[in-house]
C-alpha atoms as a PDB file:
ATOM      1  CA  UNK A   1      -7.367   0.705   9.275  1.00  0.00           C
ATOM      2  CA  UNK A   2      -5.700  -2.496   8.098  1.00  0.00           C
ATOM      3  CA  UNK A   3      -5.731  -3.850  11.658  1.00  0.00           C
ATOM      4  CA  UNK A   4      -9.331  -2.834  12.326  1.00  0.00           C
ATOM      5  CA  UNK A   5      -8.345  -0.224  14.912  1.00  0.00           C
ATOM      6  CA  UNK A   6     -10.068   2.660  13.130  1.00  0.00           C
ATOM      7  CA  UNK A   7     -13.846   2.629  13.415  1.00  0.00           C
ATOM      8  CA  UNK A   8     -16.422   4.482  11.373  1.00  0.00           C
ATOM      9  CA  UNK A   9     -17.562   7.732  12.951  1.00  0.00           C
ATOM     10  CA  UNK A  10     -21.203   8.516  13.630  1.00  0.00           C
ATOM     11  CA  UNK A  11     -20.651  11.796  11.791  1.00  0.00           C
ATOM     12  CA  UNK A  12     -21.800  11.262   8.190  1.00  0.00           C
ATOM     13  CA  UNK A  13     -19.107  13.477   6.619  1.00  0.00           C
ATOM     14  CA  UNK A  14     -16.192  11.795   8.434  1.00  0.00           C
ATOM     15  CA  UNK A  15     -14.803   8.673   6.765  1.00  0.00           C
ATOM     16  CA  UNK A  16     -12.233   6.174   8.056  1.00  0.00           C
ATOM     17  CA  UNK A  17      -9.242   8.194   6.838  1.00  0.00           C
ATOM     18  CA  UNK A  18     -10.529  11.268   8.687  1.00  0.00           C
ATOM     19  CA  UNK A  19     -11.016   9.241  11.866  1.00  0.00           C
ATOM     20  CA  UNK A  20      -7.468   7.867  11.649  1.00  0.00           C
ATOM     21  CA  UNK A  21      -5.998  11.349  11.181  1.00  0.00           C
ATOM     22  CA  UNK A  22      -8.056  12.552  14.149  1.00  0.00           C
ATOM     23  CA  UNK A  23      -6.635   9.741  16.296  1.00  0.00           C
ATOM     24  CA  UNK A  24      -3.083  10.687  15.340  1.00  0.00           C
ATOM     25  CA  UNK A  25      -3.623  14.418  15.898  1.00  0.00           C
ATOM     26  CA  UNK A  26      -5.058  13.701  19.338  1.00  0.00           C
ATOM     27  CA  UNK A  27      -1.950  11.673  20.228  1.00  0.00           C
ATOM     28  CA  UNK A  28       0.196  14.561  18.968  1.00  0.00           C
ATOM     29  CA  UNK A  29      -1.730  17.060  21.099  1.00  0.00           C
ATOM     30  CA  UNK A  30      -1.046  14.879  24.161  1.00  0.00           C
ATOM     31  CA  UNK A  31       2.685  14.674  23.302  1.00  0.00           C
ATOM     32  CA  UNK A  32       2.503  10.919  22.730  1.00  0.00           C
ATOM     33  CA  UNK A  33       3.910  11.766  19.288  1.00  0.00           C
ATOM     34  CA  UNK A  34       6.321  14.666  18.759  1.00  0.00           C
ATOM     35  CA  UNK A  35       7.805  16.768  15.945  1.00  0.00           C
ATOM     36  CA  UNK A  36       4.865  16.099  13.654  1.00  0.00           C
ATOM     37  CA  UNK A  37       5.265  17.002   9.997  1.00  0.00           C
ATOM     38  CA  UNK A  38       2.350  16.993   7.569  1.00  0.00           C
ATOM     39  CA  UNK A  39       3.715  15.796   4.210  1.00  0.00           C
ATOM     40  CA  UNK A  40       0.602  16.157   2.054  1.00  0.00           C
ATOM     41  CA  UNK A  41      -0.658  12.550   2.281  1.00  0.00           C
ATOM     42  CA  UNK A  42       1.560  11.362   5.119  1.00  0.00           C
ATOM     43  CA  UNK A  43       1.982  12.448   8.713  1.00  0.00           C
ATOM     44  CA  UNK A  44       5.478  11.830  10.033  1.00  0.00           C
ATOM     45  CA  UNK A  45       6.375  12.138  13.709  1.00  0.00           C
ATOM     46  CA  UNK A  46       8.749  10.958  16.397  1.00  0.00           C
ATOM     47  CA  UNK A  47       8.143   9.105  19.633  1.00  0.00           C
ATOM     48  CA  UNK A  48      10.087   9.923  22.789  1.00  0.00           C
ATOM     49  CA  UNK A  49      12.303   7.088  24.034  1.00  0.00           C
ATOM     50  CA  UNK A  50      10.329   6.803  27.289  1.00  0.00           C
ATOM     51  CA  UNK A  51       7.016   6.581  25.441  1.00  0.00           C
ATOM     52  CA  UNK A  52       8.539   4.018  23.075  1.00  0.00           C
ATOM     53  CA  UNK A  53       9.712   1.917  26.012  1.00  0.00           C
ATOM     54  CA  UNK A  54       6.258   2.081  27.567  1.00  0.00           C
ATOM     55  CA  UNK A  55       4.572   1.064  24.302  1.00  0.00           C
ATOM     56  CA  UNK A  56       7.059  -1.772  23.819  1.00  0.00           C
ATOM     57  CA  UNK A  57       6.370  -3.005  27.331  1.00  0.00           C
ATOM     58  CA  UNK A  58       2.609  -3.029  26.754  1.00  0.00           C
ATOM     59  CA  UNK A  59       2.861  -5.064  23.523  1.00  0.00           C
ATOM     60  CA  UNK A  60       5.722  -7.339  24.496  1.00  0.00           C
ATOM     61  CA  UNK A  61       3.455 -10.370  24.140  1.00  0.00           C
ATOM     62  CA  UNK A  62       2.231  -9.339  20.705  1.00  0.00           C
ATOM     63  CA  UNK A  63       5.356  -8.259  18.871  1.00  0.00           C
ATOM     64  CA  UNK A  64       8.380 -10.183  17.634  1.00  0.00           C
ATOM     65  CA  UNK A  65      11.404  -9.062  15.692  1.00  0.00           C
ATOM     66  CA  UNK A  66      13.466 -11.767  14.021  1.00  0.00           C
ATOM     67  CA  UNK A  67      16.935 -11.024  12.705  1.00  0.00           C
ATOM     68  CA  UNK A  68      19.690 -13.151  11.210  1.00  0.00           C
ATOM     69  CA  UNK A  69      17.642 -16.326  11.121  1.00  0.00           C
ATOM     70  CA  UNK A  70      19.980 -19.284  11.054  1.00  0.00           C
ATOM     71  CA  UNK A  71      17.806 -22.053   9.588  1.00  0.00           C
ATOM     72  CA  UNK A  72      16.403 -22.255   6.061  1.00  0.00           C
ATOM     73  CA  UNK A  73      15.973 -18.499   6.037  1.00  0.00           C
ATOM     74  CA  UNK A  74      19.632 -17.726   6.657  1.00  0.00           C
ATOM     75  CA  UNK A  75      19.676 -15.717   3.419  1.00  0.00           C
ATOM     76  CA  UNK A  76      16.964 -13.381   4.678  1.00  0.00           C
ATOM     77  CA  UNK A  77      18.434 -10.727   6.992  1.00  0.00           C
ATOM     78  CA  UNK A  78      15.371  -9.128   8.567  1.00  0.00           C
ATOM     79  CA  UNK A  79      11.807 -10.201   9.231  1.00  0.00           C
ATOM     80  CA  UNK A  80       9.485  -8.134  11.399  1.00  0.00           C
ATOM     81  CA  UNK A  81       6.203  -9.556  12.595  1.00  0.00           C
ATOM     82  CA  UNK A  82       3.390  -8.153  14.676  1.00  0.00           C
ATOM     83  CA  UNK A  83       1.558 -11.047  16.257  1.00  0.00           C
ATOM     84  CA  UNK A  84      -1.768 -11.264  18.011  1.00  0.00           C
ATOM     85  CA  UNK A  85      -0.317 -13.469  20.738  1.00  0.00           C
ATOM     86  CA  UNK A  86       2.974 -14.372  22.307  1.00  0.00           C
ATOM     87  CA  UNK A  87       4.854 -16.396  19.706  1.00  0.00           C
ATOM     88  CA  UNK A  88       8.504 -15.481  19.444  1.00  0.00           C
ATOM     89  CA  UNK A  89      10.041 -18.145  17.292  1.00  0.00           C
ATOM     90  CA  UNK A  90      13.282 -18.794  15.460  1.00  0.00           C
ATOM     91  CA  UNK A  91      12.210 -20.393  12.188  1.00  0.00           C
ATOM     92  CA  UNK A  92       8.951 -19.710  10.410  1.00  0.00           C
ATOM     93  CA  UNK A  93       8.500 -23.092   8.650  1.00  0.00           C
ATOM     94  CA  UNK A  94       8.585 -24.965  11.958  1.00  0.00           C
ATOM     95  CA  UNK A  95       5.709 -23.060  13.531  1.00  0.00           C
ATOM     96  CA  UNK A  96       2.675 -23.158  11.222  1.00  0.00           C
ATOM     97  CA  UNK A  97       0.241 -22.489  14.080  1.00  0.00           C
ATOM     98  CA  UNK A  98       2.102 -19.340  15.029  1.00  0.00           C
ATOM     99  CA  UNK A  99       2.344 -18.161  11.417  1.00  0.00           C
ATOM    100  CA  UNK A 100      -1.440 -18.162  11.169  1.00  0.00           C
ATOM    101  CA  UNK A 101      -1.621 -15.573  13.944  1.00  0.00           C
ATOM    102  CA  UNK A 102       0.567 -13.016  12.160  1.00  0.00           C
ATOM    103  CA  UNK A 103      -1.285  -9.844  11.196  1.00  0.00           C
ATOM    104  CA  UNK A 104       1.561  -7.634   9.945  1.00  0.00           C
ATOM    105  CA  UNK A 105       4.702  -8.611   8.088  1.00  0.00           C
ATOM    106  CA  UNK A 106       7.498  -6.338   6.889  1.00  0.00           C
ATOM    107  CA  UNK A 107       9.866  -8.473   4.868  1.00  0.00           C
ATOM    108  CA  UNK A 108      13.356  -7.115   4.173  1.00  0.00           C
ATOM    109  CA  UNK A 109      15.298  -9.569   2.088  1.00  0.00           C
ATOM    110  CA  UNK A 110      16.625 -10.665  -1.259  1.00  0.00           C
ATOM    111  CA  UNK A 111      15.043 -13.640  -2.949  1.00  0.00           C
ATOM    112  CA  UNK A 112      17.332 -13.951  -5.940  1.00  0.00           C
ATOM    113  CA  UNK A 113      18.225 -17.563  -5.189  1.00  0.00           C
ATOM    114  CA  UNK A 114      15.544 -20.120  -6.228  1.00  0.00           C
ATOM    115  CA  UNK A 115      15.736 -21.930  -2.883  1.00  0.00           C
ATOM    116  CA  UNK A 116      14.964 -18.715  -1.008  1.00  0.00           C
ATOM    117  CA  UNK A 117      12.019 -17.949  -3.264  1.00  0.00           C
ATOM    118  CA  UNK A 118      10.641 -21.457  -2.761  1.00  0.00           C
ATOM    119  CA  UNK A 119      10.869 -21.147   1.023  1.00  0.00           C
ATOM    120  CA  UNK A 120       9.226 -17.737   0.911  1.00  0.00           C
ATOM    121  CA  UNK A 121       6.335 -18.984  -1.242  1.00  0.00           C
ATOM    122  CA  UNK A 122       5.700 -21.932   1.082  1.00  0.00           C
ATOM    123  CA  UNK A 123       5.804 -19.611   4.064  1.00  0.00           C
ATOM    124  CA  UNK A 124       3.540 -16.988   2.476  1.00  0.00           C
ATOM    125  CA  UNK A 125       0.630 -19.396   2.078  1.00  0.00           C
ATOM    126  CA  UNK A 126       0.704 -19.979   5.843  1.00  0.00           C
ATOM    127  CA  UNK A 127      -0.211 -16.394   6.751  1.00  0.00           C
ATOM    128  CA  UNK A 128      -3.941 -17.054   6.743  1.00  0.00           C
ATOM    129  CA  UNK A 129      -4.932 -13.890   8.603  1.00  0.00           C
ATOM    130  CA  UNK A 130      -2.299 -11.435   7.336  1.00  0.00           C
ATOM    131  CA  UNK A 131      -3.699  -7.915   7.049  1.00  0.00           C
ATOM    132  CA  UNK A 132      -0.636  -5.821   6.243  1.00  0.00           C
ATOM    133  CA  UNK A 133       2.294  -6.829   4.023  1.00  0.00           C
ATOM    134  CA  UNK A 134       5.314  -4.768   3.084  1.00  0.00           C
ATOM    135  CA  UNK A 135       7.958  -6.287   0.800  1.00  0.00           C
ATOM    136  CA  UNK A 136      11.224  -4.366   0.612  1.00  0.00           C
ATOM    137  CA  UNK A 137      13.574  -5.206  -2.267  1.00  0.00           C
ATOM    138  CA  UNK A 138      12.389  -8.793  -2.239  1.00  0.00           C
ATOM    139  CA  UNK A 139      12.161 -10.150  -5.776  1.00  0.00           C
ATOM    140  CA  UNK A 140      11.364  -9.573  -9.431  1.00  0.00           C
ATOM    141  CA  UNK A 141       8.133 -11.582  -9.285  1.00  0.00           C
ATOM    142  CA  UNK A 142       5.455 -12.035  -6.676  1.00  0.00           C
ATOM    143  CA  UNK A 143       4.338 -15.624  -6.064  1.00  0.00           C
ATOM    144  CA  UNK A 144       0.856 -16.638  -7.212  1.00  0.00           C
ATOM    145  CA  UNK A 145       0.066 -17.617  -3.637  1.00  0.00           C
ATOM    146  CA  UNK A 146      -0.245 -13.967  -2.680  1.00  0.00           C
ATOM    147  CA  UNK A 147      -3.824 -14.278  -3.926  1.00  0.00           C
ATOM    148  CA  UNK A 148      -4.565 -16.608  -1.015  1.00  0.00           C
ATOM    149  CA  UNK A 149      -4.126 -13.786   1.537  1.00  0.00           C
ATOM    150  CA  UNK A 150      -7.865 -13.136   1.718  1.00  0.00           C
ATOM    151  CA  UNK A 151      -7.655 -10.865   4.779  1.00  0.00           C
ATOM    152  CA  UNK A 152      -4.958  -8.570   3.318  1.00  0.00           C
ATOM    153  CA  UNK A 153      -5.831  -4.864   3.595  1.00  0.00           C
ATOM    154  CA  UNK A 154      -2.494  -3.154   2.949  1.00  0.00           C
ATOM    155  CA  UNK A 155       0.167  -4.075   0.361  1.00  0.00           C
ATOM    156  CA  UNK A 156       3.297  -1.941   0.011  1.00  0.00           C
ATOM    157  CA  UNK A 157       5.688  -2.756  -2.850  1.00  0.00           C
ATOM    158  CA  UNK A 158       7.266   0.679  -3.197  1.00  0.00           C
ATOM    159  CA  UNK A 159      10.885  -0.399  -2.632  1.00  0.00           C
ATOM    160  CA  UNK A 160      10.787  -3.223  -5.183  1.00  0.00           C
ATOM    161  CA  UNK A 161      12.480  -1.556  -8.140  1.00  0.00           C
ATOM    162  CA  UNK A 162      12.890  -4.906  -9.939  1.00  0.00           C
ATOM    163  CA  UNK A 163       9.231  -5.828  -9.681  1.00  0.00           C
ATOM    164  CA  UNK A 164       7.732  -5.136 -13.118  1.00  0.00           C
ATOM    165  CA  UNK A 165       4.420  -7.023 -12.899  1.00  0.00           C
ATOM    166  CA  UNK A 166       2.369  -8.931 -10.385  1.00  0.00           C
ATOM    167  CA  UNK A 167       0.391 -12.145 -10.834  1.00  0.00           C
ATOM    168  CA  UNK A 168      -3.308 -12.114 -11.736  1.00  0.00           C
ATOM    169  CA  UNK A 169      -4.032 -13.806  -8.430  1.00  0.00           C
ATOM    170  CA  UNK A 170      -3.485 -10.460  -6.710  1.00  0.00           C
ATOM    171  CA  UNK A 171      -6.837  -9.311  -8.060  1.00  0.00           C
ATOM    172  CA  UNK A 172      -8.525 -11.879  -5.820  1.00  0.00           C
ATOM    173  CA  UNK A 173      -7.742  -9.674  -2.814  1.00  0.00           C
ATOM    174  CA  UNK A 174     -11.264  -8.347  -2.375  1.00  0.00           C
ATOM    175  CA  UNK A 175     -10.478  -6.781   1.025  1.00  0.00           C
ATOM    176  CA  UNK A 176      -7.380  -4.862  -0.100  1.00  0.00           C
ATOM    177  CA  UNK A 177      -7.703  -1.191   0.871  1.00  0.00           C
ATOM    178  CA  UNK A 178      -4.274   0.222  -0.007  1.00  0.00           C
ATOM    179  CA  UNK A 179      -1.903  -0.666  -2.858  1.00  0.00           C
ATOM    180  CA  UNK A 180       1.463   1.068  -3.202  1.00  0.00           C
ATOM    181  CA  UNK A 181       3.585   0.235  -6.246  1.00  0.00           C
ATOM    182  CA  UNK A 182       7.298   0.709  -6.929  1.00  0.00           C
ATOM    183  CA  UNK A 183       9.002   2.602  -9.761  1.00  0.00           C
ATOM    184  CA  UNK A 184       9.973  -0.545 -11.675  1.00  0.00           C
ATOM    185  CA  UNK A 185       6.340  -1.336 -12.384  1.00  0.00           C
ATOM    186  CA  UNK A 186       5.529  -1.457 -16.102  1.00  0.00           C
ATOM    187  CA  UNK A 187       1.783  -1.817 -16.477  1.00  0.00           C
ATOM    188  CA  UNK A 188      -1.347  -1.696 -14.373  1.00  0.00           C
ATOM    189  CA  UNK A 189      -3.856  -4.120 -15.940  1.00  0.00           C
ATOM    190  CA  UNK A 190      -7.570  -3.442 -16.268  1.00  0.00           C
ATOM    191  CA  UNK A 191      -8.113  -6.200 -13.720  1.00  0.00           C
ATOM    192  CA  UNK A 192      -7.308  -3.653 -11.006  1.00  0.00           C
ATOM    193  CA  UNK A 193     -11.052  -2.892 -11.137  1.00  0.00           C
ATOM    194  CA  UNK A 194     -11.575  -6.182  -9.269  1.00  0.00           C
ATOM    195  CA  UNK A 195     -10.053  -4.633  -6.126  1.00  0.00           C
ATOM    196  CA  UNK A 196     -13.455  -3.342  -5.089  1.00  0.00           C
ATOM    197  CA  UNK A 197     -12.387  -2.272  -1.573  1.00  0.00           C
ATOM    198  CA  UNK A 198      -9.354  -0.236  -2.672  1.00  0.00           C
ATOM    199  CA  UNK A 199      -9.261   3.177  -0.987  1.00  0.00           C
ATOM    200  CA  UNK A 200      -5.693   4.269  -1.719  1.00  0.00           C
ATOM    201  CA  UNK A 201      -3.620   3.682  -4.858  1.00  0.00           C
ATOM    202  CA  UNK A 202      -0.061   4.935  -5.277  1.00  0.00           C
ATOM    203  CA  UNK A 203       0.670   4.340  -8.936  1.00  0.00           C
ATOM    204  CA  UNK A 204       3.934   4.361 -10.857  1.00  0.00           C
ATOM    205  CA  UNK A 205       3.664   2.984 -14.378  1.00  0.00           C
ATOM    206  CA  UNK A 206       5.521   2.982 -17.682  1.00  0.00           C
ATOM    207  CA  UNK A 207       2.313   2.950 -19.753  1.00  0.00           C
ATOM    208  CA  UNK A 208       1.724   5.844 -22.150  1.00  0.00           C
ATOM    209  CA  UNK A 209      -1.962   5.855 -21.336  1.00  0.00           C
ATOM    210  CA  UNK A 210      -3.920   4.413 -18.427  1.00  0.00           C
ATOM    211  CA  UNK A 211      -6.488   2.038 -19.944  1.00  0.00           C
ATOM    212  CA  UNK A 212     -10.217   2.547 -19.575  1.00  0.00           C
ATOM    213  CA  UNK A 213     -12.111   0.006 -17.523  1.00  0.00           C
ATOM    214  CA  UNK A 214      -9.336  -0.172 -14.909  1.00  0.00           C
ATOM    215  CA  UNK A 215      -8.540   2.544 -12.362  1.00  0.00           C
ATOM    216  CA  UNK A 216     -11.640   4.475 -13.403  1.00  0.00           C
ATOM    217  CA  UNK A 217     -13.866   1.680 -12.080  1.00  0.00           C
ATOM    218  CA  UNK A 218     -12.595   1.898  -8.493  1.00  0.00           C
ATOM    219  CA  UNK A 219     -15.707   3.366  -6.923  1.00  0.00           C
ATOM    220  CA  UNK A 220     -14.352   3.134  -3.355  1.00  0.00           C
ATOM    221  CA  UNK A 221     -11.045   4.901  -4.114  1.00  0.00           C
ATOM    222  CA  UNK A 222     -10.436   7.856  -1.811  1.00  0.00           C
ATOM    223  CA  UNK A 223      -6.843   8.774  -2.659  1.00  0.00           C
ATOM    224  CA  UNK A 224      -5.035   8.432  -5.994  1.00  0.00           C
ATOM    225  CA  UNK A 225      -1.368   9.331  -6.368  1.00  0.00           C
ATOM    226  CA  UNK A 226       0.282   9.141  -9.790  1.00  0.00           C
ATOM    227  CA  UNK A 227       3.937  10.031  -9.404  1.00  0.00           C
ATOM    228  CA  UNK A 228       7.289   9.673 -11.121  1.00  0.00           C
ATOM    229  CA  UNK A 229       5.782   8.319 -14.355  1.00  0.00           C
ATOM    230  CA  UNK A 230       7.926   9.399 -17.286  1.00  0.00           C
ATOM    231  CA  UNK A 231       5.971   7.721 -20.111  1.00  0.00           C
ATOM    232  CA  UNK A 232       2.268   8.504 -19.590  1.00  0.00           C
ATOM    233  CA  UNK A 233       0.887  11.112 -21.989  1.00  0.00           C
ATOM    234  CA  UNK A 234      -2.763  10.688 -21.008  1.00  0.00           C
ATOM    235  CA  UNK A 235      -4.733   9.431 -18.030  1.00  0.00           C
ATOM    236  CA  UNK A 236      -7.761   7.147 -18.271  1.00  0.00           C
ATOM    237  CA  UNK A 237     -10.879   8.576 -19.934  1.00  0.00           C
ATOM    238  CA  UNK A 238     -13.386   7.120 -17.491  1.00  0.00           C
ATOM    239  CA  UNK A 239     -12.453   8.987 -14.317  1.00  0.00           C
ATOM    240  CA  UNK A 240     -16.128   9.743 -13.730  1.00  0.00           C
ATOM    241  CA  UNK A 241     -16.278   6.290 -12.142  1.00  0.00           C
ATOM    242  CA  UNK A 242     -14.166   7.528  -9.227  1.00  0.00           C
ATOM    243  CA  UNK A 243     -17.234   8.673  -7.303  1.00  0.00           C
ATOM    244  CA  UNK A 244     -15.516   8.614  -3.887  1.00  0.00           C
ATOM    245  CA  UNK A 245     -12.172  10.191  -4.885  1.00  0.00           C
ATOM    246  CA  UNK A 246     -11.268  12.970  -2.466  1.00  0.00           C
ATOM    247  CA  UNK A 247      -7.574  13.509  -3.144  1.00  0.00           C
ATOM    248  CA  UNK A 248      -5.749  13.385  -6.468  1.00  0.00           C
ATOM    249  CA  UNK A 249      -2.020  14.068  -6.762  1.00  0.00           C
ATOM    250  CA  UNK A 250      -0.167  14.001 -10.084  1.00  0.00           C
ATOM    251  CA  UNK A 251       3.562  14.647  -9.917  1.00  0.00           C
ATOM    252  CA  UNK A 252       6.727  14.068 -11.905  1.00  0.00           C
ATOM    253  CA  UNK A 253       4.858  13.021 -15.080  1.00  0.00           C
ATOM    254  CA  UNK A 254       7.034  14.978 -17.477  1.00  0.00           C
ATOM    255  CA  UNK A 255       5.359  13.732 -20.684  1.00  0.00           C
ATOM    256  CA  UNK A 256       1.761  14.172 -19.546  1.00  0.00           C
ATOM    257  CA  UNK A 257       0.093  16.287 -22.226  1.00  0.00           C
ATOM    258  CA  UNK A 258      -3.436  16.874 -21.001  1.00  0.00           C
ATOM    259  CA  UNK A 259      -6.046  15.903 -18.441  1.00  0.00           C
ATOM    260  CA  UNK A 260      -9.201  13.995 -19.402  1.00  0.00           C
ATOM    261  CA  UNK A 261     -12.484  15.868 -19.594  1.00  0.00           C
ATOM    262  CA  UNK A 262     -14.003  13.239 -17.301  1.00  0.00           C
ATOM    263  CA  UNK A 263     -12.190  14.886 -14.371  1.00  0.00           C
ATOM    264  CA  UNK A 264     -14.998  17.414 -14.159  1.00  0.00           C
ATOM    265  CA  UNK A 265     -17.223  14.626 -12.833  1.00  0.00           C
ATOM    266  CA  UNK A 266     -15.090  14.085  -9.726  1.00  0.00           C
ATOM    267  CA  UNK A 267     -17.749  15.606  -7.504  1.00  0.00           C
ATOM    268  CA  UNK A 268     -16.236  14.330  -4.240  1.00  0.00           C
ATOM    269  CA  UNK A 269     -12.769  15.785  -4.980  1.00  0.00           C
ATOM    270  CA  UNK A 270     -11.476  18.026  -2.188  1.00  0.00           C
ATOM    271  CA  UNK A 271      -7.790  18.284  -3.042  1.00  0.00           C
ATOM    272  CA  UNK A 272      -5.985  18.396  -6.394  1.00  0.00           C
ATOM    273  CA  UNK A 273      -2.212  18.696  -6.694  1.00  0.00           C
ATOM    274  CA  UNK A 274      -0.285  18.835  -9.978  1.00  0.00           C
ATOM    275  CA  UNK A 275       3.485  19.188  -9.755  1.00  0.00           C
ATOM    276  CA  UNK A 276       6.438  18.976 -12.155  1.00  0.00           C
ATOM    277  CA  UNK A 277       4.451  18.063 -15.261  1.00  0.00           C
ATOM    278  CA  UNK A 278       6.426  20.086 -17.797  1.00  0.00           C
ATOM    279  CA  UNK A 279       4.352  19.360 -20.930  1.00  0.00           C
ATOM    280  CA  UNK A 280       0.938  19.576 -19.334  1.00  0.00           C
ATOM    281  CA  UNK A 281      -1.295  22.200 -20.921  1.00  0.00           C
ATOM    282  CA  UNK A 282      -3.943  23.099 -18.373  1.00  0.00           C
ATOM    283  CA  UNK A 283      -5.717  25.279 -20.908  1.00  0.00           C
ATOM    284  CA  UNK A 284      -6.518  22.253 -23.051  1.00  0.00           C
ATOM    285  CA  UNK A 285      -8.685  19.460 -21.721  1.00  0.00           C
ATOM    286  CA  UNK A 286      -8.531  16.259 -23.768  1.00  0.00           C
ATOM    287  CA  UNK A 287     -11.860  15.164 -25.170  1.00  0.00           C
ATOM    288  CA  UNK A 288     -12.058  11.928 -27.156  1.00  0.00           C
END
């Protein structure tokens, strides 16, 4: 979806997520993918070595993997980039024209040193057409320039245990469809309501209560996962605003006391999963 490869079906009841799953299942049925495992919200599978080699051959002019960069980015061990054209290069800062073509970036690094963070921030502003960004154990703070990635659809921060907050500029990402947060995250501001295109939110927070006027205003949200949150006692009271929510999973919230009465207005909900919430009393619905 982030790359624009999934197209809306003519069938009115089938949304983009359904179409994507159908694509994957068709590839599984034709043995392009093997050993498929349906893990609730994620399909995992393997690809045979021969199929992998064939796929790699077909995209050899669109994919580059950079490792052990020896210039300014010598501190950054792994950078993976999916490019729209042939542009295998050795040092990102020297190729601004090529950087603009990058659509997907998985960044595996440590940016503890100020010089590395500065280089990364300068580089980040060059990804004008980036659609998918995954930052793995990168830093404690995201640069403000992340708000300049206007084409970004997918942002995965799940492995960043030191990342406690993100800059307000992130709420400028009007095209963002999926946001996945890590377990170091402290607070999800109300400004999340500005992410009007958000369809998937994986939320880990240290807040005791999700504030009203935030998550509950995400009218396009299809999937909401709230997991591994030890502090929350209550969810937001305005869940009736989640008019498109189809899947809700709440797990590992050991101090969650009750569910809001507004949940009864989730008319599009198809799947509800509640796991390992020791204090949750399902016989009592909170009404404020």
